[in-house]
Amino acid sequence: MSKTAIDSGACLEQWLDSPSKCDADPVVLRAKERARDAAERRRAVLAETQGMTAAGQPFVTQLEKMGAVEIPVGPGLCHVLVWQLAEGARPGNVRISLDFVTRRSIDGGLTGFDTSSRIGSTGVICSSQSGKERFRVVDAYTYAQLPAGGTGGLSFVLFTRPRQAGDPDDIGANAPAAGGGAGGGRRAGGGKGDYVDCVFPCESAKTDCDNECFRREAGGSPLAGACKQTCEQIYRSCIRPCE
C-alpha cells in the first residue's frame, strides 16, 4: 500500500486492522463509496413505493424545456412522486421546487437533483383531498422559475395506494379556511367558497399559460416577454373577485 493511500485517510481504518486489505487507489475507494451511497438512496426511494401501484405510464420530458410539471392526485390516497434522470442527463445550477396543492392548502419545499443516484422523490404524502404535485426547476440563488433545467431526459412516475385509517392526513382536510377560524373563512363572490377555493383555478390557468410562454421562449419567439405579461394580467383579473 502506498503512503499516499494512508495519508489520504481513504483506507487508514482498514490498514490498522488488516494492512493487506488496503491496496486500492484512494480515488477508486472514493468512487466505490459514492456508488454505495447512491445505491442506498435508490433503495430508500423504492422502499417508499412499497404497497403502491404506478398510476400510469412514466411521463417523460426534457430538462431543456421543463417549465412546470403538474401531476393530478385523486382524493383519499397516499402517494409518492418519483423522478429519474435519463442516462447522460446533466442538470444545471438549479434547485427543484416541489408543491402539493389542494383546494385548501399548498405544502412544499426545495430540494436538488441527486446526480449520483439519479433518482428522487417527494416522500410519501397522504391526503383525503384531491390535488396535484407541482414540480418546477428554479434558480439556485433567486428561486425564480426557469424555462430550462439542464440537458437530457427526465421521467416521472406517480405511485399511489388508498389512504387507511392509521395514515396521516397531511394536507388540507383539517386546515382552517384561509383568513378565518372554525365556523367560517374568508369568503369571496357572495359566499361562493373560501378564498383558496376561489384562486385555485386561477393558479392552474396561470401555470398552463406560463408553460406555453416557456415553450415559446425556448423556440426563440420574440413575443415571449409579452406572453408572460399577458399571463400575469389574466391571473390578476381572475383573482380580483376573490379579494
Protein backbone atom coordinates (compact mmCIF):
# COMPACT_ATOMS: atom_id res chain seq x y z
CA MET A 1 0.00 0.00 0.00
CA SER A 2 1.28 3.44 -0.89
CA LYS A 3 1.95 6.12 1.68
CA THR A 4 -0.47 8.36 -0.29
CA ALA A 5 -3.34 5.99 0.43
CA ILE A 6 -2.56 6.07 4.16
CA ASP A 7 -2.14 9.84 4.26
CA SER A 8 -5.39 10.40 2.37
CA GLY A 9 -7.35 8.62 5.07
CA ALA A 10 -9.22 6.69 2.38
CA CYS A 11 -8.40 3.34 3.95
CA LEU A 12 -6.47 4.16 7.10
CA GLU A 13 -9.02 2.40 9.28
CA GLN A 14 -8.79 -0.77 7.17
CA TRP A 15 -4.99 -0.57 7.21
CA LEU A 16 -4.91 -0.52 11.02
CA ASP A 17 -6.98 -3.72 11.13
CA SER A 18 -5.51 -5.54 8.16
CA PRO A 19 -2.83 -3.85 6.06
CA SER A 20 -3.06 -6.41 3.28
CA LYS A 21 -6.68 -5.43 2.53
CA CYS A 22 -5.88 -1.79 1.95
CA ASP A 23 -4.36 -1.92 -1.51
CA ALA A 24 -6.76 0.19 -3.60
CA ASP A 25 -6.15 3.61 -5.03
CA PRO A 26 -7.90 6.25 -2.84
CA VAL A 27 -9.69 7.66 -5.89
CA VAL A 28 -11.14 4.21 -6.60
CA LEU A 29 -12.16 3.84 -2.97
CA ARG A 30 -13.98 7.17 -3.03
CA ALA A 31 -15.78 6.18 -6.21
CA LYS A 32 -16.90 2.92 -4.61
CA GLU A 33 -18.17 4.81 -1.57
CA ARG A 34 -20.20 7.14 -3.77
CA ALA A 35 -21.62 4.18 -5.66
CA ARG A 36 -22.67 2.50 -2.41
CA ASP A 37 -24.30 5.70 -1.16
CA ALA A 38 -26.16 6.14 -4.44
CA ALA A 39 -27.41 2.53 -4.30
CA GLU A 40 -28.67 3.10 -0.76
CA ARG A 41 -30.53 6.24 -1.79
CA ARG A 42 -32.13 4.39 -4.71
CA ARG A 43 -33.25 1.63 -2.36
CA ALA A 44 -34.70 4.20 0.05
CA VAL A 45 -36.77 5.80 -2.72
CA LEU A 46 -38.02 2.45 -3.97
CA ALA A 47 -38.92 1.46 -0.39
CA GLU A 48 -41.29 4.44 -0.27
CA THR A 49 -43.32 2.90 -3.10
CA GLN A 50 -43.85 -0.45 -1.37
CA GLY A 51 -47.53 -1.41 -1.38
CA MET A 52 -48.28 1.22 -4.04
CA THR A 53 -49.03 0.88 -7.72
CA ALA A 54 -47.97 3.14 -10.58
CA ALA A 55 -50.81 5.48 -11.55
CA GLY A 56 -49.86 5.24 -15.22
CA GLN A 57 -47.00 5.14 -17.67
CA PRO A 58 -43.94 7.29 -16.94
CA PHE A 59 -44.24 10.91 -18.03
CA VAL A 60 -41.07 11.83 -19.91
CA THR A 61 -39.83 15.35 -20.60
CA GLN A 62 -36.58 17.17 -21.34
CA LEU A 63 -34.63 19.39 -18.97
CA GLU A 64 -34.20 21.83 -21.85
CA LYS A 65 -37.96 22.55 -21.81
CA MET A 66 -39.02 21.97 -18.23
CA GLY A 67 -41.30 24.82 -17.19
CA ALA A 68 -43.59 23.29 -14.57
CA VAL A 69 -44.84 19.72 -14.45
CA GLU A 70 -48.18 19.14 -12.73
CA ILE A 71 -49.49 15.65 -12.00
CA PRO A 72 -53.03 15.20 -10.61
CA VAL A 73 -53.60 13.11 -7.48
CA GLY A 74 -57.02 11.74 -6.57
CA PRO A 75 -58.71 12.07 -3.14
CA GLY A 76 -58.24 9.59 -0.32
CA LEU A 77 -54.79 8.44 -1.42
CA CYS A 78 -51.26 8.15 -0.15
CA HIS A 79 -48.82 8.90 -2.93
CA VAL A 80 -45.19 9.46 -3.80
CA LEU A 81 -43.93 11.11 -6.97
CA VAL A 82 -40.65 9.63 -8.19
CA TRP A 83 -38.43 11.23 -10.82
CA GLN A 84 -35.35 9.87 -12.56
CA LEU A 85 -32.66 11.44 -14.70
CA ALA A 86 -32.05 9.70 -18.01
CA GLU A 87 -28.62 8.36 -18.84
CA GLY A 88 -26.42 11.26 -19.86
CA ALA A 89 -28.79 13.93 -18.49
CA ARG A 90 -26.99 16.85 -16.85
CA PRO A 91 -28.90 19.26 -14.57
CA GLY A 92 -27.72 22.85 -14.49
CA ASN A 93 -27.15 25.05 -11.45
CA VAL A 94 -30.78 24.73 -10.38
CA ARG A 95 -32.95 23.65 -7.49
CA ILE A 96 -36.22 21.72 -7.51
CA SER A 97 -39.35 23.42 -6.16
CA LEU A 98 -42.00 20.93 -5.02
CA ASP A 99 -45.59 21.71 -4.06
CA PHE A 100 -48.57 19.53 -3.30
CA VAL A 101 -51.59 21.71 -4.00
CA THR A 102 -55.18 21.08 -2.91
CA ARG A 103 -58.14 23.41 -2.93
CA ARG A 104 -57.42 24.37 0.68
CA SER A 105 -53.65 24.37 1.02
CA ILE A 106 -50.24 24.36 -0.61
CA ASP A 107 -47.38 22.49 1.01
CA GLY A 108 -43.90 22.20 -0.44
CA GLY A 109 -40.20 22.88 -0.29
CA LEU A 110 -36.92 22.88 -2.16
CA THR A 111 -34.52 20.06 -2.99
CA GLY A 112 -31.91 19.31 -5.63
CA PHE A 113 -31.06 16.75 -8.29
CA ASP A 114 -29.03 13.82 -7.00
CA THR A 115 -26.61 13.20 -9.84
CA SER A 116 -25.15 10.11 -8.15
CA SER A 117 -28.31 8.04 -7.62
CA ARG A 118 -30.08 9.95 -10.44
CA ILE A 119 -33.40 9.45 -8.67
CA GLY A 120 -35.51 11.46 -6.27
CA SER A 121 -38.96 11.60 -4.70
CA THR A 122 -41.44 13.78 -2.86
CA GLY A 123 -41.64 11.33 0.02
CA VAL A 124 -44.95 9.74 0.96
CA ILE A 125 -47.89 12.16 1.28
CA CYS A 126 -51.38 11.14 2.37
CA SER A 127 -54.43 13.34 1.86
CA SER A 128 -58.18 12.99 2.00
CA GLN A 129 -58.43 15.65 -0.71
CA SER A 130 -57.61 15.62 -4.39
CA GLY A 131 -54.78 17.82 -5.56
CA LYS A 132 -51.74 17.95 -7.78
CA GLU A 133 -48.00 17.58 -7.45
CA ARG A 134 -46.20 20.57 -8.94
CA PHE A 135 -42.53 20.13 -9.94
CA ARG A 136 -40.56 23.16 -11.12
CA VAL A 137 -36.90 23.96 -11.70
CA VAL A 138 -35.83 27.24 -10.13
CA ASP A 139 -32.68 29.34 -9.95
CA ALA A 140 -30.33 28.06 -7.25
CA TYR A 141 -29.98 31.55 -5.76
CA THR A 142 -33.11 33.56 -6.51
CA TYR A 143 -35.56 30.60 -6.64
CA ALA A 144 -37.18 32.17 -9.70
CA GLN A 145 -38.80 29.64 -12.03
CA LEU A 146 -36.67 28.77 -15.05
CA PRO A 147 -37.69 27.63 -18.54
CA ALA A 148 -34.91 25.01 -18.59
CA GLY A 149 -33.01 22.96 -16.03
CA GLY A 150 -30.10 21.49 -17.96
CA THR A 151 -29.84 18.95 -20.75
CA GLY A 152 -31.22 15.45 -21.21
CA GLY A 153 -34.28 13.48 -20.25
CA LEU A 154 -36.27 13.38 -17.00
CA SER A 155 -39.12 10.97 -16.25
CA PHE A 156 -41.83 10.94 -13.58
CA VAL A 157 -43.97 8.15 -12.13
CA LEU A 158 -46.74 8.68 -9.58
CA PHE A 159 -47.29 5.79 -7.16
CA THR A 160 -50.47 5.59 -5.07
CA ARG A 161 -52.40 3.45 -2.60
CA PRO A 162 -55.67 4.02 -0.70
CA ARG A 163 -55.32 6.10 2.45
CA GLN A 164 -56.04 3.94 5.51
CA ALA A 165 -57.39 4.74 8.96
CA GLY A 166 -53.96 4.93 10.54
CA ASP A 167 -52.46 7.17 7.88
CA PRO A 168 -52.00 10.90 8.50
CA ASP A 169 -53.99 13.46 6.59
CA ASP A 170 -51.09 15.68 5.73
CA ILE A 171 -52.84 18.22 3.57
CA GLY A 172 -55.97 20.23 3.74
CA ALA A 173 -58.82 18.34 5.29
CA ASN A 174 -58.49 19.79 8.78
CA ALA A 175 -56.93 23.09 7.79
CA PRO A 176 -58.99 26.19 8.65
CA ALA A 177 -60.23 28.20 5.73
CA ALA A 178 -57.85 30.94 4.69
CA GLY A 179 -58.22 34.07 6.83
CA GLY A 180 -60.65 32.53 9.32
CA GLY A 181 -61.13 30.05 12.13
CA ALA A 182 -63.77 27.46 12.89
CA GLY A 183 -67.19 28.21 11.55
CA GLY A 184 -66.12 30.41 8.67
CA GLY A 185 -63.32 31.61 6.48
CA ARG A 186 -62.53 34.34 4.07
CA ARG A 187 -65.41 34.44 1.61
CA ALA A 188 -65.49 35.55 -1.99
CA GLY A 189 -68.09 36.14 -4.65
CA GLY A 190 -71.03 36.46 -2.29
CA GLY A 191 -70.22 33.35 -0.24
CA LYS A 192 -69.23 31.04 -3.09
CA GLY A 193 -66.46 29.13 -1.32
CA ASP A 194 -63.40 30.31 0.57
CA TYR A 195 -60.53 32.36 -0.79
CA VAL A 196 -58.24 29.43 -1.63
CA ASP A 197 -61.15 27.67 -3.34
CA CYS A 198 -61.58 30.77 -5.43
CA VAL A 199 -57.96 31.28 -6.54
CA PHE A 200 -57.16 27.59 -7.15
CA PRO A 201 -58.39 27.52 -10.79
CA CYS A 202 -56.69 30.88 -11.42
CA GLU A 203 -53.32 29.47 -10.33
CA SER A 204 -53.79 26.39 -12.51
CA ALA A 205 -54.66 28.55 -15.52
CA LYS A 206 -51.61 30.75 -14.93
CA THR A 207 -49.34 27.70 -14.76
CA ASP A 208 -50.68 26.48 -18.11
CA CYS A 209 -50.18 29.94 -19.57
CA ASP A 210 -46.62 30.18 -18.20
CA ASN A 211 -45.79 26.77 -19.65
CA GLU A 212 -46.88 27.96 -23.08
CA CYS A 213 -44.67 31.05 -22.68
CA PHE A 214 -41.71 28.87 -21.73
CA ARG A 215 -42.21 26.80 -24.89
CA ARG A 216 -42.32 29.95 -27.00
CA GLU A 217 -39.23 31.34 -25.29
CA ALA A 218 -37.33 28.10 -25.91
CA GLY A 219 -38.35 28.31 -29.54
CA GLY A 220 -36.96 31.82 -29.85
CA SER A 221 -40.28 33.61 -30.20
CA PRO A 222 -39.90 37.42 -29.99
CA LEU A 223 -43.28 37.56 -28.22
CA ALA A 224 -42.19 35.54 -25.17
CA GLY A 225 -41.91 38.63 -22.94
CA ALA A 226 -45.35 39.89 -23.90
CA CYS A 227 -46.71 36.39 -23.33
CA LYS A 228 -45.62 36.37 -19.68
CA GLN A 229 -47.12 39.82 -19.14
CA THR A 230 -50.41 38.62 -20.59
CA CYS A 231 -50.41 35.60 -18.25
CA GLU A 232 -49.96 37.89 -15.27
CA GLN A 233 -52.78 40.17 -16.40
CA ILE A 234 -55.12 37.21 -16.88
CA TYR A 235 -54.24 35.91 -13.42
CA ARG A 236 -54.84 39.29 -11.75
CA SER A 237 -58.20 39.62 -13.47
CA CYS A 238 -59.12 36.09 -12.43
CA ILE A 239 -58.41 36.55 -8.71
CA ARG A 240 -59.91 40.05 -8.43
CA PRO A 241 -63.38 38.72 -7.50
CA CYS A 242 -61.75 36.58 -4.79
CA GLU A 243 -60.25 39.54 -2.91
